[in-house]
Amino acid sequence: MATKGHNEVKESLREMTRIFRPKDPKKFVKEYVRKYRITGGYEEELTLVVENELGRLDSSVS
């Protein structure tokens, strides 16, 4: 993934995470990758982005 495109994908995924607050980050990323036709091999990294964003959301609520 190119740097600019990669950052756009991460930011988009963060926004989607804030909106939907998924219960299962792996499933959420898998559906996101399939729906938006993201090149394979980035699922783990994107799952970490979702988990980190969920952690930030949980800590800001508490």
N, C-alpha and C. Protein backbone atom coordinates (compact mmCIF):
# COMPACT_ATOMS: atom_id res chain seq x y z
N MET A 1 0.83 -1.17 0.00
CA MET A 1 0.00 0.00 0.00
C MET A 1 0.88 1.24 0.00
N ALA A 2 0.56 2.20 -0.82
CA ALA A 2 1.32 3.43 -0.85
C ALA A 2 1.09 4.21 0.45
N THR A 3 2.06 5.02 0.81
CA THR A 3 1.99 5.75 2.07
C THR A 3 0.74 6.61 2.16
N LYS A 4 0.46 7.41 1.14
CA LYS A 4 -0.71 8.28 1.18
C LYS A 4 -1.99 7.46 1.27
N GLY A 5 -2.11 6.44 0.42
CA GLY A 5 -3.28 5.58 0.43
C GLY A 5 -3.40 4.82 1.73
N HIS A 6 -2.28 4.41 2.26
CA HIS A 6 -2.26 3.66 3.51
C HIS A 6 -2.79 4.52 4.65
N ASN A 7 -2.36 5.77 4.71
CA ASN A 7 -2.84 6.68 5.75
C ASN A 7 -4.32 6.97 5.60
N GLU A 8 -4.78 7.08 4.36
CA GLU A 8 -6.20 7.32 4.11
C GLU A 8 -7.04 6.14 4.56
N VAL A 9 -6.54 4.93 4.31
CA VAL A 9 -7.25 3.72 4.73
C VAL A 9 -7.32 3.67 6.24
N LYS A 10 -6.21 3.94 6.91
CA LYS A 10 -6.19 3.91 8.38
C LYS A 10 -7.15 4.95 8.96
N GLU A 11 -7.13 6.16 8.42
CA GLU A 11 -8.02 7.21 8.94
C GLU A 11 -9.48 6.85 8.70
N SER A 12 -9.77 6.32 7.54
CA SER A 12 -11.13 5.89 7.23
C SER A 12 -11.58 4.80 8.20
N LEU A 13 -10.69 3.86 8.47
CA LEU A 13 -11.01 2.76 9.38
C LEU A 13 -11.22 3.28 10.80
N ARG A 14 -10.42 4.27 11.21
CA ARG A 14 -10.62 4.87 12.54
C ARG A 14 -12.00 5.53 12.64
N GLU A 15 -12.38 6.25 11.59
CA GLU A 15 -13.69 6.91 11.60
C GLU A 15 -14.81 5.88 11.64
N MET A 16 -14.68 4.82 10.86
CA MET A 16 -15.70 3.77 10.85
C MET A 16 -15.79 3.12 12.23
N THR A 17 -14.64 2.96 12.89
CA THR A 17 -14.61 2.36 14.22
C THR A 17 -15.35 3.25 15.21
N ARG A 18 -15.13 4.57 15.13
CA ARG A 18 -15.81 5.50 16.02
C ARG A 18 -17.32 5.46 15.81
N ILE A 19 -17.73 5.30 14.57
CA ILE A 19 -19.16 5.29 14.26
C ILE A 19 -19.82 3.98 14.70
N PHE A 20 -19.22 2.84 14.33
CA PHE A 20 -19.87 1.55 14.55
C PHE A 20 -19.48 0.85 15.84
N ARG A 21 -18.34 1.20 16.43
CA ARG A 21 -17.84 0.55 17.65
C ARG A 21 -18.03 -0.97 17.61
N PRO A 22 -17.28 -1.63 16.73
CA PRO A 22 -17.47 -3.07 16.53
C PRO A 22 -17.10 -3.88 17.77
N LYS A 23 -17.82 -4.98 17.99
CA LYS A 23 -17.53 -5.88 19.10
C LYS A 23 -16.39 -6.82 18.75
N ASP A 24 -16.26 -7.18 17.47
CA ASP A 24 -15.22 -8.10 17.01
C ASP A 24 -14.35 -7.40 15.97
N PRO A 25 -13.19 -6.84 16.40
CA PRO A 25 -12.34 -6.10 15.47
C PRO A 25 -11.88 -6.91 14.25
N LYS A 26 -11.57 -8.20 14.44
CA LYS A 26 -11.10 -9.01 13.32
C LYS A 26 -12.18 -9.16 12.25
N LYS A 27 -13.39 -9.43 12.67
CA LYS A 27 -14.50 -9.57 11.73
C LYS A 27 -14.77 -8.23 11.04
N PHE A 28 -14.72 -7.15 11.79
CA PHE A 28 -14.95 -5.82 11.24
C PHE A 28 -13.93 -5.50 10.15
N VAL A 29 -12.65 -5.78 10.43
CA VAL A 29 -11.58 -5.52 9.45
C VAL A 29 -11.75 -6.42 8.23
N LYS A 30 -12.08 -7.67 8.45
CA LYS A 30 -12.26 -8.60 7.33
C LYS A 30 -13.36 -8.10 6.39
N GLU A 31 -14.47 -7.65 6.96
CA GLU A 31 -15.57 -7.11 6.14
C GLU A 31 -15.15 -5.82 5.45
N TYR A 32 -14.41 -4.96 6.15
CA TYR A 32 -13.93 -3.69 5.59
C TYR A 32 -13.01 -3.95 4.39
N VAL A 33 -12.06 -4.88 4.56
CA VAL A 33 -11.11 -5.21 3.50
C VAL A 33 -11.86 -5.77 2.28
N ARG A 34 -12.82 -6.63 2.52
CA ARG A 34 -13.59 -7.22 1.42
C ARG A 34 -14.44 -6.16 0.72
N LYS A 35 -15.13 -5.34 1.49
CA LYS A 35 -16.04 -4.35 0.93
C LYS A 35 -15.31 -3.28 0.11
N TYR A 36 -14.18 -2.81 0.61
CA TYR A 36 -13.46 -1.73 -0.05
C TYR A 36 -12.29 -2.22 -0.89
N ARG A 37 -12.20 -3.54 -1.06
CA ARG A 37 -11.19 -4.17 -1.94
C ARG A 37 -9.77 -3.71 -1.63
N ILE A 38 -9.42 -3.78 -0.35
CA ILE A 38 -8.06 -3.44 0.10
C ILE A 38 -7.16 -4.62 -0.22
N THR A 39 -5.94 -4.34 -0.65
CA THR A 39 -4.98 -5.38 -0.95
C THR A 39 -4.76 -6.25 0.28
N GLY A 40 -4.71 -7.56 0.08
CA GLY A 40 -4.54 -8.50 1.19
C GLY A 40 -3.21 -8.34 1.90
N GLY A 41 -3.13 -8.91 3.10
CA GLY A 41 -1.90 -8.88 3.85
C GLY A 41 -1.82 -7.79 4.89
N TYR A 42 -2.82 -6.93 4.97
CA TYR A 42 -2.81 -5.83 5.91
C TYR A 42 -3.81 -6.00 7.03
N GLU A 43 -4.46 -7.16 7.08
CA GLU A 43 -5.51 -7.37 8.06
C GLU A 43 -5.02 -7.22 9.50
N GLU A 44 -3.85 -7.79 9.79
CA GLU A 44 -3.32 -7.71 11.17
C GLU A 44 -3.07 -6.26 11.57
N GLU A 45 -2.42 -5.51 10.69
CA GLU A 45 -2.11 -4.11 10.99
C GLU A 45 -3.39 -3.30 11.17
N LEU A 46 -4.36 -3.52 10.30
CA LEU A 46 -5.62 -2.78 10.39
C LEU A 46 -6.42 -3.19 11.62
N THR A 47 -6.32 -4.46 12.01
CA THR A 47 -6.98 -4.92 13.23
C THR A 47 -6.40 -4.19 14.45
N LEU A 48 -5.09 -4.00 14.46
CA LEU A 48 -4.46 -3.25 15.55
C LEU A 48 -4.95 -1.80 15.58
N VAL A 49 -5.15 -1.21 14.41
CA VAL A 49 -5.67 0.16 14.35
C VAL A 49 -7.05 0.21 15.00
N VAL A 50 -7.90 -0.75 14.66
CA VAL A 50 -9.26 -0.79 15.23
C VAL A 50 -9.20 -1.02 16.74
N GLU A 51 -8.37 -1.96 17.19
CA GLU A 51 -8.27 -2.25 18.62
C GLU A 51 -7.76 -1.03 19.38
N ASN A 52 -6.78 -0.34 18.83
CA ASN A 52 -6.25 0.86 19.49
C ASN A 52 -7.31 1.96 19.57
N GLU A 53 -8.05 2.13 18.50
CA GLU A 53 -9.09 3.16 18.48
C GLU A 53 -10.20 2.82 19.48
N LEU A 54 -10.57 1.55 19.56
CA LEU A 54 -11.58 1.14 20.54
C LEU A 54 -11.06 1.38 21.95
N GLY A 55 -9.78 1.12 22.19
CA GLY A 55 -9.18 1.38 23.49
C GLY A 55 -9.22 2.86 23.85
N ARG A 56 -8.94 3.71 22.87
CA ARG A 56 -9.01 5.16 23.10
C ARG A 56 -10.43 5.59 23.42
N LEU A 57 -11.40 5.02 22.70
CA LEU A 57 -12.80 5.38 22.93
C LEU A 57 -13.24 4.95 24.32
N ASP A 58 -12.83 3.74 24.73
CA ASP A 58 -13.21 3.23 26.05
C ASP A 58 -12.58 4.07 27.17
N SER A 59 -11.33 4.49 26.98
CA SER A 59 -10.66 5.26 28.03
C SER A 59 -11.23 6.67 28.13
N SER A 60 -11.71 7.21 27.03
CA SER A 60 -12.27 8.57 27.07
C SER A 60 -13.67 8.58 27.69
N VAL A 61 -14.38 7.47 27.64
CA VAL A 61 -15.71 7.37 28.20
C VAL A 61 -15.63 7.20 29.72
N SER A 62 -14.66 6.45 30.18
CA SER A 62 -14.55 6.15 31.61
C SER A 62 -14.19 7.35 32.44
